[in-house]
Protein backbone atom coordinates (compact mmCIF):
# COMPACT_ATOMS: atom_id res chain seq x y z
CA MET A 1 195.65 106.96 8.17
CA LYS A 2 198.37 105.40 10.89
CA CYS A 3 197.29 104.96 14.06
CA ILE A 4 199.05 103.81 17.64
CA ALA A 5 198.56 103.26 21.40
CA ALA A 6 200.06 104.29 24.08
CA LEU A 7 200.02 103.41 27.97
CA ASP A 8 202.33 104.82 30.09
CA VAL A 9 203.18 102.25 32.91
CA ASP A 10 204.43 102.49 36.14
CA PHE A 11 204.09 99.66 38.52
CA GLU A 12 204.90 101.87 41.77
CA ARG A 13 202.85 105.11 41.89
CA THR A 14 199.72 106.56 40.24
CA SER A 15 199.50 109.90 38.40
CA ILE A 16 197.14 110.58 41.54
CA GLY A 17 199.52 110.04 44.29
CA THR A 18 198.18 106.29 45.07
CA ARG A 19 199.93 102.90 44.55
CA SER A 20 199.49 100.91 41.37
CA ARG A 21 197.24 98.04 40.89
CA LEU A 22 198.64 97.15 37.34
CA ALA A 23 200.03 94.23 38.67
CA ASP A 24 197.14 92.70 40.81
CA ASP A 25 194.29 90.12 39.93
CA MET A 26 191.17 91.86 39.47
CA VAL A 27 188.69 88.77 38.29
CA GLY A 28 191.14 86.30 37.30
CA ARG A 29 193.35 88.63 34.79
CA ALA A 30 195.97 91.76 35.93
CA VAL A 31 194.69 94.90 35.35
CA LEU A 32 197.37 95.88 33.27
CA THR A 33 196.64 92.85 31.25
CA ARG A 34 192.96 93.51 30.76
CA THR A 35 193.26 96.84 29.81
CA LEU A 36 195.92 95.72 26.67
CA GLU A 37 193.64 93.56 25.75
CA ARG A 38 190.67 95.63 25.87
CA VAL A 39 193.26 98.62 23.27
CA ALA A 40 194.51 95.81 21.45
CA SER A 41 191.13 94.34 20.45
CA ALA A 42 190.34 97.95 18.89
CA GLU A 43 190.97 97.06 15.16
CA ARG A 44 191.61 101.07 13.93
CA ILE A 45 195.28 100.99 15.89
CA GLU A 46 198.50 99.17 14.36
CA ARG A 47 199.91 98.59 17.56
CA VAL A 48 199.63 99.37 21.00
CA PHE A 49 203.16 100.76 23.03
CA LEU A 50 203.97 100.15 26.55
CA LEU A 51 205.69 102.85 28.26
CA CYS A 52 208.11 102.19 31.57
CA PRO A 53 210.90 102.20 32.94
CA PRO A 54 214.18 101.26 32.09
CA GLU A 55 214.65 98.59 34.89
CA ARG A 56 211.06 97.59 33.99
CA VAL A 57 210.81 96.61 30.16
CA GLU A 58 211.38 92.65 31.07
CA THR A 59 208.70 92.98 34.54
CA CYS A 60 206.14 94.53 31.94
CA ARG A 61 206.64 91.87 28.97
CA ALA A 62 205.30 89.38 31.58
CA PHE A 63 201.86 91.22 31.18
CA VAL A 64 201.83 90.76 27.83
CA PRO A 65 199.72 87.40 26.50
CA ALA A 66 201.44 85.96 23.92
CA GLU A 67 198.98 85.87 21.08
CA LEU A 68 199.30 90.09 21.50
CA GLY A 69 203.34 89.82 21.10
CA GLN A 70 203.40 90.87 17.35
CA ARG A 71 200.82 94.13 18.00
CA VAL A 72 202.18 95.03 21.64
CA VAL A 73 205.68 96.58 21.92
CA VAL A 74 207.03 97.38 25.63
CA GLN A 75 210.05 100.17 25.70
CA ALA A 76 211.67 102.23 27.92
CA ARG A 77 210.27 106.09 28.22
CA ARG A 78 213.06 108.29 26.97
CA VAL A 79 211.24 111.24 29.11
CA GLU A 80 210.94 111.08 32.72
CA SER A 81 210.49 113.86 34.20
CA ARG A 82 207.07 115.64 34.06
CA PRO A 83 206.78 118.92 34.74
CA PHE A 84 203.25 119.26 35.89
CA ALA A 85 202.78 116.08 37.27
CA ASP A 86 202.46 117.61 41.26
CA ILE A 87 199.86 120.10 39.86
CA VAL A 88 197.71 117.70 38.06
CA ARG A 89 197.94 115.45 40.74
CA VAL A 90 197.09 118.05 43.73
CA THR A 91 193.92 119.61 41.11
CA ARG A 92 192.87 116.43 40.43
CA LYS A 93 191.85 115.45 43.93
CA TRP A 94 188.13 116.67 44.04
CA SER A 95 187.00 115.57 39.96
CA LEU A 96 188.09 112.13 40.22
CA ASP A 97 185.28 110.91 39.11
CA SER A 98 184.19 113.56 36.10
CA TRP A 99 186.29 113.48 33.08
CA ARG A 100 186.88 117.15 33.58
CA GLY A 101 186.05 119.64 36.29
CA GLY A 102 189.36 119.56 37.85
CA ILE A 103 191.16 123.20 39.53
CA GLY A 104 192.78 125.43 36.63
CA GLY A 105 190.80 123.23 34.02
CA THR A 106 192.70 120.43 34.18
CA CYS A 107 190.93 117.03 33.15
CA TYR A 108 191.28 112.87 33.54
CA PHE A 109 193.41 113.21 30.22
CA ASP A 110 196.10 115.21 32.12
CA GLU A 111 196.32 112.51 34.82
CA PHE A 112 197.89 109.96 31.89
CA ALA A 113 198.70 112.17 28.79
CA ARG A 114 203.16 112.67 28.79
CA SER A 115 203.14 115.32 25.59
CA ASP A 116 206.76 114.64 25.83
CA GLU A 117 207.05 111.29 25.44
CA LEU A 118 204.22 110.81 22.77
CA ALA A 119 205.44 113.72 20.71
CA LEU A 120 208.60 111.57 20.46
CA LEU A 121 206.88 108.05 19.58
CA ALA A 122 204.63 109.89 17.05
CA GLN A 123 207.79 110.86 15.23
CA ALA A 124 209.83 107.72 15.66
CA GLU A 125 206.97 105.87 14.44
CA GLU A 126 205.88 108.32 11.98
CA ALA A 127 202.35 107.76 13.67
CA ASP A 128 199.40 110.73 12.15
CA THR A 129 197.65 109.92 15.30
CA VAL A 130 198.12 108.96 18.54
CA PHE A 131 195.24 107.46 21.19
CA CYS A 132 196.38 107.53 24.58
CA ALA A 133 194.77 105.88 27.56
CA PRO A 134 195.38 104.53 31.40
CA ALA A 135 197.37 101.31 31.77
CA ALA A 136 194.94 100.86 34.28
CA ALA A 137 191.72 101.29 32.99
CA PRO A 138 190.24 97.46 32.01
CA LEU A 139 186.64 99.03 31.24
CA LEU A 140 187.99 100.84 27.75
CA ASP A 141 185.60 99.92 25.25
CA SER A 142 187.38 98.70 21.81
CA ASP A 143 184.81 100.17 19.85
CA MET A 144 184.45 103.82 20.84
CA ILE A 145 188.25 103.89 20.77
CA ASP A 146 187.77 102.54 16.73
CA GLU A 147 185.03 105.24 16.67
CA MET A 148 186.46 108.45 18.20
CA ILE A 149 190.05 107.43 16.15
CA ASP A 150 187.23 107.68 12.79
CA TYR A 151 185.76 110.85 13.91
CA ASN A 152 189.58 112.54 14.70
CA VAL A 153 189.60 111.81 10.82
CA GLN A 154 186.75 113.63 9.94
CA THR A 155 186.98 115.98 11.95
CA ALA A 156 190.98 116.44 11.11
CA HIS A 157 190.14 119.95 9.30
CA GLU A 158 188.90 121.49 12.99
CA SER A 159 190.56 120.07 15.60
CA ARG A 160 193.29 117.86 16.39
CA ILE A 161 192.44 116.29 19.32
CA THR A 162 189.44 113.98 20.19
CA PHE A 163 187.75 113.32 23.60
CA ALA A 164 184.33 112.08 24.69
CA GLN A 165 182.37 113.41 27.97
CA ALA A 166 182.84 109.80 29.71
CA PRO A 167 183.69 108.75 33.06
CA PRO A 168 187.41 108.16 33.45
CA GLY A 169 188.68 104.84 32.59
CA LEU A 170 185.96 104.41 30.06
CA ALA A 171 187.42 106.45 26.92
CA GLY A 172 190.51 107.68 25.74
CA VAL A 173 191.51 110.63 24.03
CA VAL A 174 193.01 110.78 20.62
CA PHE A 175 196.00 113.76 19.38
CA SER A 176 196.90 114.62 15.97
CA ARG A 177 200.66 114.41 15.67
CA ASP A 178 201.41 117.97 15.03
CA ILE A 179 199.10 119.07 18.19
CA LEU A 180 201.51 116.18 20.41
CA TYR A 181 204.61 118.31 18.74
CA GLU A 182 203.09 121.68 19.94
CA MET A 183 202.57 120.70 23.67
CA GLY A 184 205.79 118.36 23.59
CA GLU A 185 207.37 121.28 22.93
CA LYS A 186 206.37 123.14 25.75
CA ARG A 187 205.81 119.64 27.87
CA VAL A 188 202.58 121.17 29.00
CA PRO A 189 199.53 118.92 29.86
CA PRO A 190 196.34 118.99 27.33
CA GLY A 191 193.87 120.43 30.28
CA ILE A 192 195.97 123.35 30.34
CA VAL A 193 195.84 123.59 26.27
CA LEU A 194 192.08 123.54 26.07
CA SER A 195 191.31 125.29 29.65
CA TYR A 196 189.94 128.46 29.74
CA LYS A 197 191.99 131.67 28.87
CA PRO A 198 190.65 135.09 30.36
CA ASP A 199 193.04 136.98 26.93
CA ALA A 200 191.61 133.86 24.47
CA PRO A 201 188.37 133.14 25.49
CA MET A 202 186.63 130.45 22.96
CA MET A 203 183.73 128.14 23.17
CA ASP A 204 183.66 125.49 25.47
CA LEU A 205 185.07 122.56 23.89
CA ALA A 206 182.36 120.33 25.08
CA PHE A 207 180.52 122.07 22.29
CA LYS A 208 183.11 122.18 19.42
CA SER A 209 183.69 119.33 17.08
CA CYS A 210 186.82 118.13 19.25
CA CYS A 211 184.41 116.52 21.69
CA PHE A 212 182.97 113.23 20.32
CA THR A 213 179.30 112.42 21.00
CA ALA A 214 179.27 109.42 23.37
CA PRO A 215 175.62 107.39 24.09
CA ALA A 216 173.49 109.62 26.47
CA ALA A 217 174.17 106.53 29.11
CA VAL A 218 177.83 107.12 28.72
CA ARG A 219 177.76 110.89 28.76
CA HIS A 220 175.37 111.45 32.12
CA ALA A 221 177.40 108.52 33.96
CA GLY A 222 179.69 109.41 37.17
CA GLY A 223 182.36 107.24 38.45
CA ARG A 224 185.83 106.49 38.24
CA LEU A 225 186.74 103.73 36.24
CA VAL A 226 190.71 104.19 36.81
CA VAL A 227 192.05 101.04 39.01
CA ASP A 228 194.04 103.34 40.94
CA THR A 229 191.71 103.65 44.41
CA ASP A 230 190.34 101.69 46.70
CA ARG A 231 186.73 103.04 45.81
CA SER A 232 187.95 102.76 41.86
CA TRP A 233 188.46 99.40 42.62
CA LYS A 234 185.69 98.27 44.26
CA THR A 235 183.39 99.87 41.18
CA VAL A 236 185.38 98.06 38.52
CA GLU A 237 185.43 94.28 40.25
CA ASP A 238 182.11 95.10 41.32
CA PHE A 239 180.86 95.59 37.32
CA LEU A 240 183.45 92.52 36.70
CA SER A 241 181.40 90.45 38.98
CA SER A 242 177.75 91.33 37.50
CA SER A 243 178.23 89.80 34.13
CA GLN A 244 176.78 92.53 32.05
CA PRO A 245 177.35 93.67 28.91
CA THR A 246 181.21 95.39 28.59
CA ASN A 247 180.33 97.81 26.45
CA ALA A 248 180.60 101.28 27.05
CA GLU A 249 176.58 102.28 27.14
CA ALA A 250 175.74 98.96 29.22
CA ILE A 251 178.65 99.95 31.62
CA GLY A 252 177.38 103.64 31.51
CA SER A 253 173.91 102.36 32.64
CA TRP A 254 175.22 100.56 35.05
CA LEU A 255 176.98 103.33 36.62
CA ILE A 256 173.79 105.27 37.01
CA HIS A 257 172.34 102.63 38.57
CA ARG A 258 175.07 102.25 40.60
CA GLU A 259 175.61 105.99 41.83
CA GLU A 260 172.13 105.82 43.11
CA ARG A 261 172.38 102.71 45.48
CA HIS A 262 175.66 102.23 46.56
CA VAL A 263 176.81 103.26 49.90
CA PRO A 264 180.53 103.28 50.69
CA PRO A 265 181.64 102.22 53.79
CA LEU A 266 182.80 106.03 54.60
CA PRO A 267 181.71 108.83 52.98
CA ARG A 268 183.86 110.35 49.87
CA GLU A 269 184.36 113.54 51.26
CA VAL A 270 183.76 115.18 54.75
CA GLU A 271 183.71 119.25 55.79
CA ILE A 272 184.38 119.48 59.68
CA GLU A 273 183.90 123.25 61.22
CA LEU A 274 186.09 123.97 63.39
CA THR A 275 184.79 126.87 65.11
CA THR A 276 181.60 128.86 64.26
CA GLU A 277 183.61 132.36 65.24
CA ASP A 278 184.25 134.31 62.20
CA GLU A 279 185.58 138.00 61.49
CA LEU A 280 182.52 138.36 58.40
CA SER A 281 179.92 137.45 61.42
CA GLU A 282 177.27 140.04 59.59
CA THR A 283 177.83 139.23 55.73
CA ARG A 284 175.60 138.62 53.17
CA MET A 285 177.21 135.78 51.32
CA ARG A 286 176.84 132.54 53.72
CA PRO A 287 175.45 131.46 57.24
CA ARG A 288 177.71 133.24 60.09
CA GLY A 289 177.25 134.54 63.82
CA SER A 290 174.32 135.03 65.16
CA ARG A 291 172.20 132.92 62.31
CA VAL A 292 174.60 130.44 63.33
CA GLY A 293 174.85 130.13 66.74
CA ASP A 294 178.12 129.76 69.06
CA ARG A 295 179.37 125.48 69.22
CA GLY A 296 182.73 127.13 70.49
CA LEU A 297 185.57 124.78 69.36
CA ILE A 298 185.53 121.54 68.14
CA ASP A 299 187.78 119.01 70.30
CA PRO A 300 190.75 117.93 68.18
CA ASP A 301 190.47 114.47 69.17
CA ILE A 302 187.52 114.05 67.10
CA VAL A 303 189.28 115.06 64.44
CA ARG A 304 192.13 112.48 65.24
CA ARG A 305 189.72 109.77 65.23
CA VAL A 306 188.04 110.94 62.24
CA ALA A 307 191.46 111.06 60.29
CA GLY A 308 192.16 107.69 61.24
CA GLU A 309 188.77 106.37 59.49
CA LEU A 310 188.77 108.14 56.48
CA ALA A 311 192.49 106.58 55.74
CA SER A 312 191.52 103.56 55.58
CA LEU A 313 190.87 104.33 52.03
CA ASP A 314 193.37 105.63 49.91
CA ASP A 315 191.06 108.71 48.25
CA SER A 316 189.55 110.53 51.17
CA LEU A 317 188.78 114.14 51.11
CA VAL A 318 188.41 117.04 54.35
CA VAL A 319 187.56 120.41 53.80
CA PHE A 320 188.23 122.89 57.02
CA GLY A 321 184.83 125.07 57.24
CA GLY A 322 181.69 124.77 58.17
CA PHE A 323 180.25 128.00 59.32
CA GLY A 324 182.85 129.59 60.87
CA GLU A 325 186.89 130.98 60.40
CA PRO A 326 188.78 127.65 60.68
CA LEU A 327 192.38 129.42 60.92
CA LEU A 328 190.87 130.93 64.11
CA HIS A 329 190.82 127.68 66.29
CA PRO A 330 193.96 127.87 68.45
CA GLN A 331 194.85 124.44 67.46
CA PHE A 332 194.70 124.67 63.67
CA ASP A 333 198.40 123.85 63.31
CA GLU A 334 197.61 121.10 65.46
CA ILE A 335 194.89 119.44 63.73
CA VAL A 336 196.23 119.99 60.32
CA THR A 337 199.42 118.18 61.14
CA CYS A 338 197.35 115.22 62.61
CA LEU A 339 195.12 114.89 59.04
CA ARG A 340 198.20 114.58 57.20
CA SER A 341 200.06 112.45 59.31
CA ALA A 342 197.49 110.08 59.32
CA GLY A 343 197.68 109.47 55.28
CA VAL A 344 194.08 111.59 54.29
CA TYR A 345 194.60 111.72 50.43
CA GLY A 346 192.60 115.41 50.32
CA ILE A 347 192.88 118.33 52.28
CA ALA A 348 191.15 121.52 51.63
CA VAL A 349 190.96 124.63 53.65
CA ARG A 350 187.45 127.83 53.04
CA THR A 351 189.06 130.41 54.83
CA ASN A 352 188.07 134.50 54.55
CA ALA A 353 191.80 135.00 54.33
CA LEU A 354 191.45 137.85 57.09
CA ASN A 355 193.69 135.80 60.04
CA LEU A 356 196.01 134.16 57.15
CA THR A 357 199.22 135.27 59.14
CA ASP A 358 202.89 133.94 58.45
CA GLU A 359 201.95 131.26 61.33
CA HIS A 360 199.26 129.31 59.01
CA ILE A 361 200.86 129.94 55.67
CA GLU A 362 203.84 127.89 57.29
CA THR A 363 201.60 124.84 58.58
CA LEU A 364 199.42 125.09 55.13
CA ILE A 365 202.85 124.39 53.28
CA ARG A 366 204.44 122.52 55.53
CA CYS A 367 201.60 119.95 55.63
CA GLU A 368 201.24 120.08 52.02
CA VAL A 369 197.56 121.42 52.16
CA ASP A 370 196.11 120.56 48.59
CA VAL A 371 193.45 123.62 48.41
CA VAL A 372 193.31 127.28 49.91
CA SER A 373 189.39 128.24 48.86
CA ALA A 374 190.04 132.14 49.80
CA LEU A 375 185.77 133.26 50.03
CA LEU A 376 187.05 137.03 49.33
CA ASP A 377 183.14 137.49 46.95
CA ALA A 378 184.45 141.36 45.54
CA TRP A 379 186.86 142.65 43.23
CA THR A 380 186.16 146.22 45.15
CA PRO A 381 186.75 147.65 48.37
CA GLU A 382 183.42 148.93 47.91
CA LEU A 383 181.54 145.83 47.00
CA TYR A 384 183.70 143.77 49.83
CA ARG A 385 182.01 146.79 52.12
CA CYS A 386 178.10 146.24 50.70
CA VAL A 387 178.21 142.00 50.67
CA HIS A 388 180.38 141.27 54.15
CA GLY A 389 179.36 144.89 56.25
CA ARG A 390 183.25 145.95 57.36
CA GLU A 391 186.19 146.65 55.23
CA GLY A 392 189.07 144.26 54.94
CA LEU A 393 189.71 143.17 50.85
CA GLU A 394 193.06 144.61 50.80
CA GLN A 395 193.46 143.01 53.57
CA ALA A 396 192.36 139.22 52.77
CA THR A 397 193.51 139.67 48.79
CA ALA A 398 197.07 141.21 50.43
CA ASN A 399 197.47 137.84 52.94
CA VAL A 400 196.53 135.81 49.89
CA ARG A 401 199.04 137.02 47.61
CA ARG A 402 201.40 136.39 50.67
CA LEU A 403 200.74 132.62 50.42
CA SER A 404 200.58 132.59 46.80
CA GLU A 405 204.67 133.85 46.94
CA GLN A 406 205.44 131.74 49.10
CA ARG A 407 204.68 129.10 47.56
CA CYS A 408 206.08 129.92 44.22
CA SER A 409 209.66 131.19 46.28
CA ARG A 410 209.85 127.65 47.61
CA LYS A 411 208.91 125.91 44.24
CA VAL A 412 206.12 123.80 45.67
CA SER A 413 202.86 122.63 44.06
CA THR A 414 200.48 122.95 47.61
CA PRO A 415 198.71 124.70 48.53
CA VAL A 416 196.70 125.83 45.28
CA VAL A 417 195.22 128.80 45.76
CA VAL A 418 191.58 129.27 44.84
CA PRO A 419 189.84 132.78 45.25
CA GLU A 420 186.07 132.46 45.29
CA MET A 421 182.91 135.07 44.79
CA THR A 422 179.43 133.95 45.57
CA LYS A 423 177.09 134.51 42.26
CA CYS A 424 174.28 137.05 43.23
CA VAL A 425 172.37 139.70 42.99
CA GLU A 426 175.07 142.14 44.58
CA THR A 427 178.25 140.58 42.99
CA MET A 428 177.10 139.95 39.06
CA ASP A 429 178.83 143.31 38.14
CA GLU A 430 181.82 142.46 38.87
CA MET A 431 181.83 138.63 38.61
CA ASP A 432 184.02 138.75 35.38
CA ALA A 433 186.72 141.18 36.43
CA PHE A 434 186.70 138.93 39.65
CA PHE A 435 187.16 135.74 37.86
CA ASP A 436 189.52 136.82 34.74
CA GLY A 437 191.25 138.84 37.22
CA TRP A 438 192.61 136.09 39.67
CA VAL A 439 193.06 133.42 37.05
CA ARG A 440 195.53 136.06 35.52
CA GLU A 441 197.06 136.51 38.85
CA VAL A 442 197.28 133.07 40.54
CA GLY A 443 195.64 130.68 37.81
CA TRP A 444 192.47 130.03 39.12
CA ALA A 445 189.20 131.30 40.69
CA ASN A 446 186.06 130.12 41.41
CA ILE A 447 182.13 131.18 40.68
CA SER A 448 179.97 129.53 43.13
CA GLY A 449 175.91 129.85 43.33
CA PHE A 450 174.37 131.86 46.24
CA SER A 451 172.05 129.34 48.60
CA HIS A 452 169.27 130.36 50.63
CA CYS A 453 169.38 127.14 52.63
CA ALA A 454 166.29 125.67 52.25
CA GLY A 455 164.50 128.82 52.92
CA GLN A 456 166.53 129.87 55.99
CA LEU A 457 168.39 132.99 54.61
CA GLU A 458 167.01 135.43 52.29
CA ASP A 459 167.02 134.25 48.70
CA ARG A 460 169.72 136.86 46.80
CA GLY A 461 170.67 134.27 43.95
CA VAL A 462 170.54 135.35 40.37
CA THR A 463 168.37 131.99 38.87
CA ILE A 464 167.94 128.66 40.24
CA MET A 465 170.37 126.27 38.59
CA ALA A 466 168.31 123.01 39.98
CA PRO A 467 166.88 120.65 37.15
CA PRO A 468 163.25 121.01 36.65
CA VAL A 469 162.77 117.26 37.61
CA ARG A 470 163.80 116.65 41.31
CA ARG A 471 165.49 113.73 42.36
CA ALA A 472 167.45 112.08 45.24
CA CYS A 473 170.32 114.41 46.38
CA GLY A 474 173.49 113.57 44.78
CA ARG A 475 175.31 114.09 48.06
CA LEU A 476 173.98 111.89 50.66
CA ASN A 477 176.03 108.72 49.60
CA SER A 478 178.93 110.50 49.10
CA ARG A 479 179.74 113.13 51.93
CA VAL A 480 178.39 114.82 54.98
CA MET A 481 179.92 117.51 57.79
CA VAL A 482 181.21 117.50 61.09
CA LEU A 483 180.08 120.32 63.38
CA ALA A 484 182.21 122.07 65.97
CA ASP A 485 180.31 120.28 69.07
CA GLY A 486 180.86 116.96 67.26
CA SER A 487 177.43 116.43 65.64
CA VAL A 488 176.75 115.12 61.92
CA ILE A 489 174.61 116.41 59.87
CA ARG A 490 173.73 115.60 56.10
CA CYS A 491 174.26 118.91 54.11
CA ASP A 492 176.11 122.44 54.52
CA GLN A 493 171.84 123.52 54.69
CA ASP A 494 171.45 122.37 58.10
CA PHE A 495 173.75 125.48 59.54
CA SER A 496 171.75 125.40 62.83
CA GLY A 497 172.03 121.28 62.61
CA ILE A 498 168.62 121.16 63.55
CA ALA A 499 168.60 117.38 61.64
CA PRO A 500 171.55 115.20 63.16
CA LEU A 501 172.58 112.00 62.39
CA GLY A 502 174.13 111.63 65.23
CA SER A 503 177.54 112.92 67.43
CA LEU A 504 181.30 111.94 67.08
CA ALA A 505 181.02 112.50 70.86
CA ASP A 506 179.20 108.84 71.07
CA ASP A 507 180.07 106.97 67.78
CA SER A 508 182.41 106.43 65.02
CA LEU A 509 181.80 108.47 61.54
CA ALA A 510 181.24 104.73 60.22
CA ASP A 511 178.57 104.09 62.72
CA VAL A 512 177.09 107.35 61.58
CA TRP A 513 177.19 107.10 57.85
CA ILE A 514 175.28 103.62 57.92
CA GLY A 515 173.36 104.27 60.55
CA ASN A 516 169.68 103.99 60.96
CA THR A 517 169.11 108.04 60.65
CA ILE A 518 170.77 108.36 57.63
CA ALA A 519 169.80 105.28 55.96
CA THR A 520 165.97 106.61 56.43
CA THR A 521 167.29 109.47 55.13
CA ARG A 522 168.09 108.03 51.77
CA THR A 523 165.19 105.57 51.45
CA ILE A 524 163.17 108.87 51.72
CA HIS A 525 164.69 110.71 49.09
CA ARG A 526 164.37 107.51 46.58
CA GLU A 527 161.15 107.81 47.32
CA GLY A 528 160.44 111.53 46.58
CA ARG A 529 159.14 111.97 49.51
CA PHE A 530 161.42 114.87 50.08
CA HIS A 531 158.84 117.75 52.38
CA GLU A 532 158.87 114.78 55.05
CA LEU A 533 162.13 115.99 56.59
CA ALA A 534 163.41 119.24 57.59
CA LEU A 535 164.73 121.59 55.15
CA CYS A 536 164.97 118.88 51.82
CA GLY A 537 161.62 119.90 50.99
CA ALA A 538 162.41 123.80 50.19
CA CYS A 539 166.05 122.71 48.74
CA ASP A 540 167.20 123.71 45.42
CA ASP A 541 170.85 122.45 45.93
CA TRP A 542 170.19 118.96 45.42
CA HIS A 543 171.72 118.75 42.34
CA ARG A 544 175.37 119.12 43.29
CA PRO A 545 177.71 116.45 42.70
């Protein structure tokens, strides 16, 4: 059986929209050279192909070590365009640290696997299988590459693709030739092939033979090892400087320990409440209206300063949401424009869609807002009236459809529209119809769990999803929320703002993020003294990523 490897090389931009670091020096070696050495160390791979634009072939050759010259081929891509590239870039923004979980079912492989180019390469080389990985993955495990290739051969009668539940950049993916032909003909990325389809449901692929069983430490680790963002560069650089063993299991264990302790200079994600005003003030689904209180309108200058800080890192995310309707802020257009102009990587808006006007749609498209999450919570008007206390489903869904139609008619990739339902005792009967119906119509939907906000609301949840053993909150080192009055809270359980970490009226976001209050909170969580903190002792949502 002949197996070759393919790495797609771009010295300007990455598939997720950041600058390429392939030529940058990392602990004494260029990133591309490090990746190439790891892949070429795999015994089951006969030749490694570096695919790049025609004008960069000679540049690419300069990064190939002399001792690998016979096994490495640098050649120009024959296919330049990627039909789904913009969609993949947008839908992966909120799941860069995970191998799956992108909106629409997109996964890590979609970032680097050019199915049409790989199909042509497999045909030209008469290869039975092709191993594909990011060119900026200097910690790929050569032993695991060999094991995945062998596993692909053993399961060829059942599956034609082999992947692993592993942090992005620690493993690649193995394709059989025939599945590359099928995907290449349609020019679709793997995630679309593997994603859920309501009219052709199948078992989760993580439980099928196409999923290679990686060591437990690898499966349970999170973090990005593809060197294409400021944060992932720091992660890989820290590991290479740690003198740890470079096998997959050791890397996974290191990532798990780091995730528990490492606090980046700024949160990865910030949710910003623009106002507490909301047309669904009596909804049962989430805190609104009198339960929240009136915090007025956020000062746009606060958002401007937050945007400036977050833009200093190239993968920062902002969600406009909180405990009110962001579209009701009279300066919504100015605020979103400011955030996009500052260069913030990802922007999302959570809206009930009742006030989604033509002007708002124009802003969302012009500012290239990545995601609009429409909090509908119902498939029928009767359920909508039951859970929200008023009519409005027809108006909200019409607005959502108009936004989707405008995006399609203008042939732009953003915003991706995601209708959302909260899973609770009232919505259970319509959950399947809601999800399947919206997937058919706009491509995706989201079902989120009900939160009683640490006992502050009547619990309408169906079941507790938290693991049996409590651990430190997974979000304390990654995200915060800014309320409309400028106060910063540690999470969305604190809808009344009873335990603020600080105020952006007085301090910068960075100062609050590394301040004494949140540092003490992190220590208390690591030591398991959750009941010493307001709300944390009664929280069921501590396990969320």
